[in-house]
Amino acid sequence: KDRWGAEFLGVRLCAVHEPYQSRLHSP
């Protein structure tokens, strides 16, 4: 949010051993 402001889309938590537990955290 600090770096990109409105251009920030979020964080993808990529759980490589449990791919379908992976999530997108939005601003």
mmCIF file of all heavy atoms, coordinates in Angstrom:
data_MODEL
# 
_entry.id   MODEL 
# 
loop_
_atom_site.group_PDB 
_atom_site.id 
_atom_site.type_symbol 
_atom_site.label_atom_id 
_atom_site.label_alt_id 
_atom_site.label_comp_id 
_atom_site.label_asym_id 
_atom_site.label_entity_id 
_atom_site.label_seq_id 
_atom_site.pdbx_PDB_ins_code 
_atom_site.Cartn_x 
_atom_site.Cartn_y 
_atom_site.Cartn_z 
_atom_site.occupancy 
_atom_site.B_iso_or_equiv 
_atom_site.pdbx_formal_charge 
_atom_site.auth_seq_id 
_atom_site.auth_comp_id 
_atom_site.auth_asym_id 
_atom_site.auth_atom_id 
_atom_site.pdbx_PDB_model_num 
ATOM 1   N N   . LYS A 1 1  ? 0.838  -1.212  0.000   1.00 0.00 ? 1  LYS A N   1 
ATOM 2   C CA  . LYS A 1 1  ? 0.000  0.000   0.000   1.00 0.00 ? 1  LYS A CA  1 
ATOM 3   C C   . LYS A 1 1  ? 0.869  1.256   0.000   1.00 0.00 ? 1  LYS A C   1 
ATOM 4   O O   . LYS A 1 1  ? 0.572  2.223   -0.707  1.00 0.00 ? 1  LYS A O   1 
ATOM 5   C CB  . LYS A 1 1  ? -0.926 -0.003  1.218   1.00 0.00 ? 1  LYS A CB  1 
ATOM 6   C CG  . LYS A 1 1  ? -2.032 -1.034  1.131   1.00 0.00 ? 1  LYS A CG  1 
ATOM 7   C CD  . LYS A 1 1  ? -2.814 -1.058  2.436   1.00 0.00 ? 1  LYS A CD  1 
ATOM 8   C CE  . LYS A 1 1  ? -3.819 -2.179  2.478   1.00 0.00 ? 1  LYS A CE  1 
ATOM 9   N NZ  . LYS A 1 1  ? -4.537 -2.248  3.757   1.00 0.00 ? 1  LYS A NZ  1 
ATOM 10  N N   . ASP A 1 2  ? 1.944  1.241   0.814   1.00 0.00 ? 2  ASP A N   1 
ATOM 11  C CA  . ASP A 1 2  ? 2.832  2.402   0.882   1.00 0.00 ? 2  ASP A CA  1 
ATOM 12  C C   . ASP A 1 2  ? 3.573  2.634   -0.440  1.00 0.00 ? 2  ASP A C   1 
ATOM 13  O O   . ASP A 1 2  ? 3.744  3.776   -0.867  1.00 0.00 ? 2  ASP A O   1 
ATOM 14  C CB  . ASP A 1 2  ? 3.854  2.241   2.014   1.00 0.00 ? 2  ASP A CB  1 
ATOM 15  C CG  . ASP A 1 2  ? 3.237  2.342   3.406   1.00 0.00 ? 2  ASP A CG  1 
ATOM 16  O OD1 . ASP A 1 2  ? 2.047  2.735   3.512   1.00 0.00 ? 2  ASP A OD1 1 
ATOM 17  O OD2 . ASP A 1 2  ? 3.933  2.001   4.384   1.00 0.00 ? 2  ASP A OD2 1 
ATOM 18  N N   . ARG A 1 3  ? 4.040  1.561   -1.076  1.00 0.00 ? 3  ARG A N   1 
ATOM 19  C CA  . ARG A 1 3  ? 4.836  1.682   -2.297  1.00 0.00 ? 3  ARG A CA  1 
ATOM 20  C C   . ARG A 1 3  ? 4.005  1.987   -3.524  1.00 0.00 ? 3  ARG A C   1 
ATOM 21  O O   . ARG A 1 3  ? 4.403  2.788   -4.366  1.00 0.00 ? 3  ARG A O   1 
ATOM 22  C CB  . ARG A 1 3  ? 5.578  0.366   -2.561  1.00 0.00 ? 3  ARG A CB  1 
ATOM 23  C CG  . ARG A 1 3  ? 6.983  0.372   -2.167  1.00 0.00 ? 3  ARG A CG  1 
ATOM 24  C CD  . ARG A 1 3  ? 7.672  -0.840  -2.727  1.00 0.00 ? 3  ARG A CD  1 
ATOM 25  N NE  . ARG A 1 3  ? 9.012  -0.852  -2.185  1.00 0.00 ? 3  ARG A NE  1 
ATOM 26  C CZ  . ARG A 1 3  ? 9.921  -1.737  -2.463  1.00 0.00 ? 3  ARG A CZ  1 
ATOM 27  N NH1 . ARG A 1 3  ? 9.647  -2.715  -3.274  1.00 0.00 ? 3  ARG A NH1 1 
ATOM 28  N NH2 . ARG A 1 3  ? 11.103 -1.672  -1.930  1.00 0.00 ? 3  ARG A NH2 1 
ATOM 29  N N   . TRP A 1 4  ? 2.881  1.270   -3.667  1.00 0.00 ? 4  TRP A N   1 
ATOM 30  C CA  . TRP A 1 4  ? 2.142  1.337   -4.921  1.00 0.00 ? 4  TRP A CA  1 
ATOM 31  C C   . TRP A 1 4  ? 0.738  1.931   -4.794  1.00 0.00 ? 4  TRP A C   1 
ATOM 32  O O   . TRP A 1 4  ? 0.066  2.098   -5.800  1.00 0.00 ? 4  TRP A O   1 
ATOM 33  C CB  . TRP A 1 4  ? 2.072  -0.054  -5.552  1.00 0.00 ? 4  TRP A CB  1 
ATOM 34  C CG  . TRP A 1 4  ? 3.430  -0.611  -5.837  1.00 0.00 ? 4  TRP A CG  1 
ATOM 35  C CD1 . TRP A 1 4  ? 4.372  -0.094  -6.672  1.00 0.00 ? 4  TRP A CD1 1 
ATOM 36  C CD2 . TRP A 1 4  ? 4.004  -1.788  -5.271  1.00 0.00 ? 4  TRP A CD2 1 
ATOM 37  N NE1 . TRP A 1 4  ? 5.496  -0.874  -6.664  1.00 0.00 ? 4  TRP A NE1 1 
ATOM 38  C CE2 . TRP A 1 4  ? 5.306  -1.934  -5.810  1.00 0.00 ? 4  TRP A CE2 1 
ATOM 39  C CE3 . TRP A 1 4  ? 3.563  -2.748  -4.371  1.00 0.00 ? 4  TRP A CE3 1 
ATOM 40  C CZ2 . TRP A 1 4  ? 6.143  -2.979  -5.487  1.00 0.00 ? 4  TRP A CZ2 1 
ATOM 41  C CZ3 . TRP A 1 4  ? 4.407  -3.795  -4.041  1.00 0.00 ? 4  TRP A CZ3 1 
ATOM 42  C CH2 . TRP A 1 4  ? 5.686  -3.908  -4.593  1.00 0.00 ? 4  TRP A CH2 1 
ATOM 43  N N   . GLY A 1 5  ? 0.309  2.231   -3.591  1.00 0.00 ? 5  GLY A N   1 
ATOM 44  C CA  . GLY A 1 5  ? -1.008 2.844   -3.389  1.00 0.00 ? 5  GLY A CA  1 
ATOM 45  C C   . GLY A 1 5  ? -2.125 2.073   -4.056  1.00 0.00 ? 5  GLY A C   1 
ATOM 46  O O   . GLY A 1 5  ? -2.251 0.860   -3.876  1.00 0.00 ? 5  GLY A O   1 
ATOM 47  N N   . ALA A 1 6  ? -2.912 2.757   -4.877  1.00 0.00 ? 6  ALA A N   1 
ATOM 48  C CA  . ALA A 1 6  ? -4.064 2.143   -5.530  1.00 0.00 ? 6  ALA A CA  1 
ATOM 49  C C   . ALA A 1 6  ? -3.665 1.087   -6.563  1.00 0.00 ? 6  ALA A C   1 
ATOM 50  O O   . ALA A 1 6  ? -4.497 0.278   -6.968  1.00 0.00 ? 6  ALA A O   1 
ATOM 51  C CB  . ALA A 1 6  ? -4.907 3.219   -6.200  1.00 0.00 ? 6  ALA A CB  1 
ATOM 52  N N   . GLU A 1 7  ? -2.397 1.086   -6.960  1.00 0.00 ? 7  GLU A N   1 
ATOM 53  C CA  . GLU A 1 7  ? -1.924 0.073   -7.915  1.00 0.00 ? 7  GLU A CA  1 
ATOM 54  C C   . GLU A 1 7  ? -1.582 -1.254  -7.246  1.00 0.00 ? 7  GLU A C   1 
ATOM 55  O O   . GLU A 1 7  ? -1.263 -2.218  -7.934  1.00 0.00 ? 7  GLU A O   1 
ATOM 56  C CB  . GLU A 1 7  ? -0.686 0.578   -8.659  1.00 0.00 ? 7  GLU A CB  1 
ATOM 57  C CG  . GLU A 1 7  ? -0.964 1.659   -9.664  1.00 0.00 ? 7  GLU A CG  1 
ATOM 58  C CD  . GLU A 1 7  ? 0.290  1.993   -10.450 1.00 0.00 ? 7  GLU A CD  1 
ATOM 59  O OE1 . GLU A 1 7  ? 1.217  2.564   -9.844  1.00 0.00 ? 7  GLU A OE1 1 
ATOM 60  O OE2 . GLU A 1 7  ? 0.330  1.662   -11.648 1.00 0.00 ? 7  GLU A OE2 1 
ATOM 61  N N   . PHE A 1 8  ? -1.647 -1.324  -5.932  1.00 0.00 ? 8  PHE A N   1 
ATOM 62  C CA  . PHE A 1 8  ? -1.325 -2.560  -5.220  1.00 0.00 ? 8  PHE A CA  1 
ATOM 63  C C   . PHE A 1 8  ? -2.529 -3.484  -5.246  1.00 0.00 ? 8  PHE A C   1 
ATOM 64  O O   . PHE A 1 8  ? -3.621 -3.122  -4.821  1.00 0.00 ? 8  PHE A O   1 
ATOM 65  C CB  . PHE A 1 8  ? -0.905 -2.256  -3.776  1.00 0.00 ? 8  PHE A CB  1 
ATOM 66  C CG  . PHE A 1 8  ? -0.570 -3.476  -2.971  1.00 0.00 ? 8  PHE A CG  1 
ATOM 67  C CD1 . PHE A 1 8  ? 0.364  -4.391  -3.420  1.00 0.00 ? 8  PHE A CD1 1 
ATOM 68  C CD2 . PHE A 1 8  ? -1.197 -3.702  -1.759  1.00 0.00 ? 8  PHE A CD2 1 
ATOM 69  C CE1 . PHE A 1 8  ? 0.672  -5.520  -2.671  1.00 0.00 ? 8  PHE A CE1 1 
ATOM 70  C CE2 . PHE A 1 8  ? -0.895 -4.811  -1.005  1.00 0.00 ? 8  PHE A CE2 1 
ATOM 71  C CZ  . PHE A 1 8  ? 0.043  -5.732  -1.457  1.00 0.00 ? 8  PHE A CZ  1 
ATOM 72  N N   . LEU A 1 9  ? -2.328 -4.700  -5.748  1.00 0.00 ? 9  LEU A N   1 
ATOM 73  C CA  . LEU A 1 9  ? -3.414 -5.665  -5.915  1.00 0.00 ? 9  LEU A CA  1 
ATOM 74  C C   . LEU A 1 9  ? -3.519 -6.672  -4.776  1.00 0.00 ? 9  LEU A C   1 
ATOM 75  O O   . LEU A 1 9  ? -4.553 -7.310  -4.617  1.00 0.00 ? 9  LEU A O   1 
ATOM 76  C CB  . LEU A 1 9  ? -3.246 -6.415  -7.243  1.00 0.00 ? 9  LEU A CB  1 
ATOM 77  C CG  . LEU A 1 9  ? -3.222 -5.511  -8.474  1.00 0.00 ? 9  LEU A CG  1 
ATOM 78  C CD1 . LEU A 1 9  ? -2.845 -6.314  -9.709  1.00 0.00 ? 9  LEU A CD1 1 
ATOM 79  C CD2 . LEU A 1 9  ? -4.555 -4.823  -8.647  1.00 0.00 ? 9  LEU A CD2 1 
ATOM 80  N N   . GLY A 1 10 ? -2.416 -6.866  -4.015  1.00 0.00 ? 10 GLY A N   1 
ATOM 81  C CA  . GLY A 1 10 ? -2.481 -7.777  -2.887  1.00 0.00 ? 10 GLY A CA  1 
ATOM 82  C C   . GLY A 1 10 ? -1.302 -8.714  -2.792  1.00 0.00 ? 10 GLY A C   1 
ATOM 83  O O   . GLY A 1 10 ? -0.285 -8.562  -3.478  1.00 0.00 ? 10 GLY A O   1 
ATOM 84  N N   . VAL A 1 11 ? -1.462 -9.709  -1.916  1.00 0.00 ? 11 VAL A N   1 
ATOM 85  C CA  . VAL A 1 11 ? -0.436 -10.715 -1.645  1.00 0.00 ? 11 VAL A CA  1 
ATOM 86  C C   . VAL A 1 11 ? -1.031 -12.090 -1.925  1.00 0.00 ? 11 VAL A C   1 
ATOM 87  O O   . VAL A 1 11 ? -2.090 -12.435 -1.394  1.00 0.00 ? 11 VAL A O   1 
ATOM 88  C CB  . VAL A 1 11 ? 0.036  -10.657 -0.176  1.00 0.00 ? 11 VAL A CB  1 
ATOM 89  C CG1 . VAL A 1 11 ? 1.036  -11.778 0.123   1.00 0.00 ? 11 VAL A CG1 1 
ATOM 90  C CG2 . VAL A 1 11 ? 0.649  -9.301  0.148   1.00 0.00 ? 11 VAL A CG2 1 
ATOM 91  N N   . ARG A 1 12 ? -0.352 -12.860 -2.756  1.00 0.00 ? 12 ARG A N   1 
ATOM 92  C CA  . ARG A 1 12 ? -0.742 -14.249 -2.953  1.00 0.00 ? 12 ARG A CA  1 
ATOM 93  C C   . ARG A 1 12 ? 0.071  -15.101 -2.008  1.00 0.00 ? 12 ARG A C   1 
ATOM 94  O O   . ARG A 1 12 ? 1.302  -15.100 -2.060  1.00 0.00 ? 12 ARG A O   1 
ATOM 95  C CB  . ARG A 1 12 ? -0.442 -14.724 -4.381  1.00 0.00 ? 12 ARG A CB  1 
ATOM 96  C CG  . ARG A 1 12 ? -1.463 -14.407 -5.373  1.00 0.00 ? 12 ARG A CG  1 
ATOM 97  C CD  . ARG A 1 12 ? -1.336 -15.197 -6.666  1.00 0.00 ? 12 ARG A CD  1 
ATOM 98  N NE  . ARG A 1 12 ? 0.019  -15.425 -7.150  1.00 0.00 ? 12 ARG A NE  1 
ATOM 99  C CZ  . ARG A 1 12 ? 0.303  -16.248 -8.168  1.00 0.00 ? 12 ARG A CZ  1 
ATOM 100 N NH1 . ARG A 1 12 ? -0.647 -16.914 -8.793  1.00 0.00 ? 12 ARG A NH1 1 
ATOM 101 N NH2 . ARG A 1 12 ? 1.552  -16.395 -8.564  1.00 0.00 ? 12 ARG A NH2 1 
ATOM 102 N N   . LEU A 1 13 ? -0.586 -15.812 -1.121  1.00 0.00 ? 13 LEU A N   1 
ATOM 103 C CA  . LEU A 1 13 ? 0.073  -16.778 -0.247  1.00 0.00 ? 13 LEU A CA  1 
ATOM 104 C C   . LEU A 1 13 ? 0.070  -18.098 -1.002  1.00 0.00 ? 13 LEU A C   1 
ATOM 105 O O   . LEU A 1 13 ? -0.966 -18.758 -1.113  1.00 0.00 ? 13 LEU A O   1 
ATOM 106 C CB  . LEU A 1 13 ? -0.667 -16.898 1.086   1.00 0.00 ? 13 LEU A CB  1 
ATOM 107 C CG  . LEU A 1 13 ? -0.121 -17.936 2.059   1.00 0.00 ? 13 LEU A CG  1 
ATOM 108 C CD1 . LEU A 1 13 ? 1.320  -17.613 2.436   1.00 0.00 ? 13 LEU A CD1 1 
ATOM 109 C CD2 . LEU A 1 13 ? -0.991 -17.991 3.303   1.00 0.00 ? 13 LEU A CD2 1 
ATOM 110 N N   . CYS A 1 14 ? 1.218  -18.457 -1.559  1.00 0.00 ? 14 CYS A N   1 
ATOM 111 C CA  . CYS A 1 14 ? 1.354  -19.646 -2.407  1.00 0.00 ? 14 CYS A CA  1 
ATOM 112 C C   . CYS A 1 14 ? 1.893  -20.802 -1.572  1.00 0.00 ? 14 CYS A C   1 
ATOM 113 O O   . CYS A 1 14 ? 3.095  -20.903 -1.330  1.00 0.00 ? 14 CYS A O   1 
ATOM 114 C CB  . CYS A 1 14 ? 2.297  -19.352 -3.567  1.00 0.00 ? 14 CYS A CB  1 
ATOM 115 S SG  . CYS A 1 14 ? 1.794  -17.963 -4.597  1.00 0.00 ? 14 CYS A SG  1 
ATOM 116 N N   . ALA A 1 15 ? 1.005  -21.664 -1.125  1.00 0.00 ? 15 ALA A N   1 
ATOM 117 C CA  . ALA A 1 15 ? 1.377  -22.836 -0.322  1.00 0.00 ? 15 ALA A CA  1 
ATOM 118 C C   . ALA A 1 15 ? 1.703  -23.971 -1.290  1.00 0.00 ? 15 ALA A C   1 
ATOM 119 O O   . ALA A 1 15 ? 0.803  -24.684 -1.746  1.00 0.00 ? 15 ALA A O   1 
ATOM 120 C CB  . ALA A 1 15 ? 0.245  -23.205 0.620   1.00 0.00 ? 15 ALA A CB  1 
ATOM 121 N N   . VAL A 1 16 ? 2.974  -24.144 -1.596  1.00 0.00 ? 16 VAL A N   1 
ATOM 122 C CA  . VAL A 1 16 ? 3.361  -25.059 -2.669  1.00 0.00 ? 16 VAL A CA  1 
ATOM 123 C C   . VAL A 1 16 ? 3.093  -26.524 -2.364  1.00 0.00 ? 16 VAL A C   1 
ATOM 124 O O   . VAL A 1 16 ? 2.902  -27.316 -3.280  1.00 0.00 ? 16 VAL A O   1 
ATOM 125 C CB  . VAL A 1 16 ? 4.826  -24.843 -3.117  1.00 0.00 ? 16 VAL A CB  1 
ATOM 126 C CG1 . VAL A 1 16 ? 4.987  -23.479 -3.754  1.00 0.00 ? 16 VAL A CG1 1 
ATOM 127 C CG2 . VAL A 1 16 ? 5.797  -25.029 -1.979  1.00 0.00 ? 16 VAL A CG2 1 
ATOM 128 N N   . HIS A 1 17 ? 3.061  -26.917 -1.098  1.00 0.00 ? 17 HIS A N   1 
ATOM 129 C CA  . HIS A 1 17 ? 2.740  -28.308 -0.763  1.00 0.00 ? 17 HIS A CA  1 
ATOM 130 C C   . HIS A 1 17 ? 1.244  -28.512 -0.567  1.00 0.00 ? 17 HIS A C   1 
ATOM 131 O O   . HIS A 1 17 ? 0.791  -29.645 -0.419  1.00 0.00 ? 17 HIS A O   1 
ATOM 132 C CB  . HIS A 1 17 ? 3.498  -28.765 0.485   1.00 0.00 ? 17 HIS A CB  1 
ATOM 133 C CG  . HIS A 1 17 ? 4.965  -28.976 0.254   1.00 0.00 ? 17 HIS A CG  1 
ATOM 134 N ND1 . HIS A 1 17 ? 5.502  -29.318 -0.960  1.00 0.00 ? 17 HIS A ND1 1 
ATOM 135 C CD2 . HIS A 1 17 ? 6.017  -28.888 1.094   1.00 0.00 ? 17 HIS A CD2 1 
ATOM 136 C CE1 . HIS A 1 17 ? 6.810  -29.441 -0.859  1.00 0.00 ? 17 HIS A CE1 1 
ATOM 137 N NE2 . HIS A 1 17 ? 7.149  -29.183 0.378   1.00 0.00 ? 17 HIS A NE2 1 
ATOM 138 N N   . GLU A 1 18 ? 0.493  -27.436 -0.542  1.00 0.00 ? 18 GLU A N   1 
ATOM 139 C CA  . GLU A 1 18 ? -0.966 -27.485 -0.395  1.00 0.00 ? 18 GLU A CA  1 
ATOM 140 C C   . GLU A 1 18 ? -1.580 -26.425 -1.318  1.00 0.00 ? 18 GLU A C   1 
ATOM 141 O O   . GLU A 1 18 ? -2.195 -25.474 -0.854  1.00 0.00 ? 18 GLU A O   1 
ATOM 142 C CB  . GLU A 1 18 ? -1.370 -27.177 1.046   1.00 0.00 ? 18 GLU A CB  1 
ATOM 143 C CG  . GLU A 1 18 ? -0.729 -28.066 2.089   1.00 0.00 ? 18 GLU A CG  1 
ATOM 144 C CD  . GLU A 1 18 ? -0.980 -27.528 3.482   1.00 0.00 ? 18 GLU A CD  1 
ATOM 145 O OE1 . GLU A 1 18 ? -0.249 -26.616 3.901   1.00 0.00 ? 18 GLU A OE1 1 
ATOM 146 O OE2 . GLU A 1 18 ? -1.926 -28.020 4.120   1.00 0.00 ? 18 GLU A OE2 1 
ATOM 147 N N   . PRO A 1 19 ? -1.411 -26.558 -2.635  1.00 0.00 ? 19 PRO A N   1 
ATOM 148 C CA  . PRO A 1 19 ? -1.802 -25.490 -3.557  1.00 0.00 ? 19 PRO A CA  1 
ATOM 149 C C   . PRO A 1 19 ? -3.233 -24.992 -3.393  1.00 0.00 ? 19 PRO A C   1 
ATOM 150 O O   . PRO A 1 19 ? -3.483 -23.793 -3.518  1.00 0.00 ? 19 PRO A O   1 
ATOM 151 C CB  . PRO A 1 19 ? -1.597 -26.110 -4.942  1.00 0.00 ? 19 PRO A CB  1 
ATOM 152 C CG  . PRO A 1 19 ? -0.561 -27.159 -4.731  1.00 0.00 ? 19 PRO A CG  1 
ATOM 153 C CD  . PRO A 1 19 ? -0.815 -27.694 -3.351  1.00 0.00 ? 19 PRO A CD  1 
ATOM 154 N N   . TYR A 1 20 ? -4.159 -25.875 -3.107  1.00 0.00 ? 20 TYR A N   1 
ATOM 155 C CA  . TYR A 1 20 ? -5.553 -25.433 -3.021  1.00 0.00 ? 20 TYR A CA  1 
ATOM 156 C C   . TYR A 1 20 ? -5.888 -24.774 -1.687  1.00 0.00 ? 20 TYR A C   1 
ATOM 157 O O   . TYR A 1 20 ? -7.002 -24.322 -1.483  1.00 0.00 ? 20 TYR A O   1 
ATOM 158 C CB  . TYR A 1 20 ? -6.505 -26.583 -3.364  1.00 0.00 ? 20 TYR A CB  1 
ATOM 159 C CG  . TYR A 1 20 ? -6.434 -26.876 -4.844  1.00 0.00 ? 20 TYR A CG  1 
ATOM 160 C CD1 . TYR A 1 20 ? -5.697 -27.944 -5.329  1.00 0.00 ? 20 TYR A CD1 1 
ATOM 161 C CD2 . TYR A 1 20 ? -7.045 -26.031 -5.761  1.00 0.00 ? 20 TYR A CD2 1 
ATOM 162 C CE1 . TYR A 1 20 ? -5.593 -28.178 -6.686  1.00 0.00 ? 20 TYR A CE1 1 
ATOM 163 C CE2 . TYR A 1 20 ? -6.938 -26.249 -7.122  1.00 0.00 ? 20 TYR A CE2 1 
ATOM 164 C CZ  . TYR A 1 20 ? -6.214 -27.327 -7.584  1.00 0.00 ? 20 TYR A CZ  1 
ATOM 165 O OH  . TYR A 1 20 ? -6.099 -27.536 -8.933  1.00 0.00 ? 20 TYR A OH  1 
ATOM 166 N N   . GLN A 1 21 ? -4.909 -24.646 -0.807  1.00 0.00 ? 21 GLN A N   1 
ATOM 167 C CA  . GLN A 1 21 ? -5.066 -23.862 0.417   1.00 0.00 ? 21 GLN A CA  1 
ATOM 168 C C   . GLN A 1 21 ? -4.495 -22.457 0.237   1.00 0.00 ? 21 GLN A C   1 
ATOM 169 O O   . GLN A 1 21 ? -4.516 -21.646 1.153   1.00 0.00 ? 21 GLN A O   1 
ATOM 170 C CB  . GLN A 1 21 ? -4.374 -24.556 1.602   1.00 0.00 ? 21 GLN A CB  1 
ATOM 171 C CG  . GLN A 1 21 ? -4.993 -25.892 1.973   1.00 0.00 ? 21 GLN A CG  1 
ATOM 172 C CD  . GLN A 1 21 ? -6.466 -25.737 2.311   1.00 0.00 ? 21 GLN A CD  1 
ATOM 173 O OE1 . GLN A 1 21 ? -6.855 -24.863 3.071   1.00 0.00 ? 21 GLN A OE1 1 
ATOM 174 N NE2 . GLN A 1 21 ? -7.292 -26.586 1.721   1.00 0.00 ? 21 GLN A NE2 1 
ATOM 175 N N   . SER A 1 22 ? -3.985 -22.180 -0.935  1.00 0.00 ? 22 SER A N   1 
ATOM 176 C CA  . SER A 1 22 ? -3.382 -20.885 -1.236  1.00 0.00 ? 22 SER A CA  1 
ATOM 177 C C   . SER A 1 22 ? -4.466 -19.823 -1.335  1.00 0.00 ? 22 SER A C   1 
ATOM 178 O O   . SER A 1 22 ? -5.585 -20.097 -1.750  1.00 0.00 ? 22 SER A O   1 
ATOM 179 C CB  . SER A 1 22 ? -2.598 -20.965 -2.542  1.00 0.00 ? 22 SER A CB  1 
ATOM 180 O OG  . SER A 1 22 ? -1.562 -21.920 -2.408  1.00 0.00 ? 22 SER A OG  1 
ATOM 181 N N   . ARG A 1 23 ? -4.096 -18.599 -0.952  1.00 0.00 ? 23 ARG A N   1 
ATOM 182 C CA  . ARG A 1 23 ? -5.082 -17.526 -0.860  1.00 0.00 ? 23 ARG A CA  1 
ATOM 183 C C   . ARG A 1 23 ? -4.535 -16.219 -1.447  1.00 0.00 ? 23 ARG A C   1 
ATOM 184 O O   . ARG A 1 23 ? -3.340 -16.000 -1.508  1.00 0.00 ? 23 ARG A O   1 
ATOM 185 C CB  . ARG A 1 23 ? -5.413 -17.264 0.597   1.00 0.00 ? 23 ARG A CB  1 
ATOM 186 C CG  . ARG A 1 23 ? -5.785 -18.510 1.370   1.00 0.00 ? 23 ARG A CG  1 
ATOM 187 C CD  . ARG A 1 23 ? -7.054 -18.310 2.130   1.00 0.00 ? 23 ARG A CD  1 
ATOM 188 N NE  . ARG A 1 23 ? -7.389 -19.362 3.051   1.00 0.00 ? 23 ARG A NE  1 
ATOM 189 C CZ  . ARG A 1 23 ? -7.972 -20.501 2.729   1.00 0.00 ? 23 ARG A CZ  1 
ATOM 190 N NH1 . ARG A 1 23 ? -8.228 -20.774 1.496   1.00 0.00 ? 23 ARG A NH1 1 
ATOM 191 N NH2 . ARG A 1 23 ? -8.291 -21.384 3.642   1.00 0.00 ? 23 ARG A NH2 1 
ATOM 192 N N   . LEU A 1 24 ? -5.483 -15.368 -1.809  1.00 0.00 ? 24 LEU A N   1 
ATOM 193 C CA  . LEU A 1 24 ? -5.162 -14.005 -2.219  1.00 0.00 ? 24 LEU A CA  1 
ATOM 194 C C   . LEU A 1 24 ? -5.651 -13.070 -1.126  1.00 0.00 ? 24 LEU A C   1 
ATOM 195 O O   . LEU A 1 24 ? -6.828 -13.086 -0.762  1.00 0.00 ? 24 LEU A O   1 
ATOM 196 C CB  . LEU A 1 24 ? -5.859 -13.656 -3.536  1.00 0.00 ? 24 LEU A CB  1 
ATOM 197 C CG  . LEU A 1 24 ? -5.685 -12.202 -3.982  1.00 0.00 ? 24 LEU A CG  1 
ATOM 198 C CD1 . LEU A 1 24 ? -4.238 -11.918 -4.345  1.00 0.00 ? 24 LEU A CD1 1 
ATOM 199 C CD2 . LEU A 1 24 ? -6.599 -11.896 -5.159  1.00 0.00 ? 24 LEU A CD2 1 
ATOM 200 N N   . HIS A 1 25 ? -4.733 -12.263 -0.594  1.00 0.00 ? 25 HIS A N   1 
ATOM 201 C CA  . HIS A 1 25 ? -5.049 -11.253 0.411   1.00 0.00 ? 25 HIS A CA  1 
ATOM 202 C C   . HIS A 1 25 ? -5.103 -9.915  -0.315  1.00 0.00 ? 25 HIS A C   1 
ATOM 203 O O   . HIS A 1 25 ? -4.095 -9.459  -0.858  1.00 0.00 ? 25 HIS A O   1 
ATOM 204 C CB  . HIS A 1 25 ? -3.975 -11.217 1.502   1.00 0.00 ? 25 HIS A CB  1 
ATOM 205 C CG  . HIS A 1 25 ? -3.932 -12.468 2.316   1.00 0.00 ? 25 HIS A CG  1 
ATOM 206 N ND1 . HIS A 1 25 ? -4.380 -12.511 3.609   1.00 0.00 ? 25 HIS A ND1 1 
ATOM 207 C CD2 . HIS A 1 25 ? -3.516 -13.721 2.021   1.00 0.00 ? 25 HIS A CD2 1 
ATOM 208 C CE1 . HIS A 1 25 ? -4.238 -13.727 4.086   1.00 0.00 ? 25 HIS A CE1 1 
ATOM 209 N NE2 . HIS A 1 25 ? -3.714 -14.479 3.134   1.00 0.00 ? 25 HIS A NE2 1 
ATOM 210 N N   . SER A 1 26 ? -6.268 -9.306  -0.358  1.00 0.00 ? 26 SER A N   1 
ATOM 211 C CA  . SER A 1 26 ? -6.460 -8.040  -1.076  1.00 0.00 ? 26 SER A CA  1 
ATOM 212 C C   . SER A 1 26 ? -6.293 -6.849  -0.146  1.00 0.00 ? 26 SER A C   1 
ATOM 213 O O   . SER A 1 26 ? -6.535 -6.969  1.064   1.00 0.00 ? 26 SER A O   1 
ATOM 214 C CB  . SER A 1 26 ? -7.854 -8.004  -1.703  1.00 0.00 ? 26 SER A CB  1 
ATOM 215 O OG  . SER A 1 26 ? -7.977 -9.043  -2.642  1.00 0.00 ? 26 SER A OG  1 
ATOM 216 N N   . PRO A 1 27 ? -5.922 -5.696  -0.682  1.00 0.00 ? 27 PRO A N   1 
ATOM 217 C CA  . PRO A 1 27 ? -5.737 -4.494  0.139   1.00 0.00 ? 27 PRO A CA  1 
ATOM 218 C C   . PRO A 1 27 ? -6.983 -4.085  0.924   1.00 0.00 ? 27 PRO A C   1 
ATOM 219 O O   . PRO A 1 27 ? -6.871 -3.458  1.971   1.00 0.00 ? 27 PRO A O   1 
ATOM 220 C CB  . PRO A 1 27 ? -5.355 -3.416  -0.873  1.00 0.00 ? 27 PRO A CB  1 
ATOM 221 C CG  . PRO A 1 27 ? -4.809 -4.150  -2.031  1.00 0.00 ? 27 PRO A CG  1 
ATOM 222 C CD  . PRO A 1 27 ? -5.544 -5.453  -2.080  1.00 0.00 ? 27 PRO A CD  1 
# 
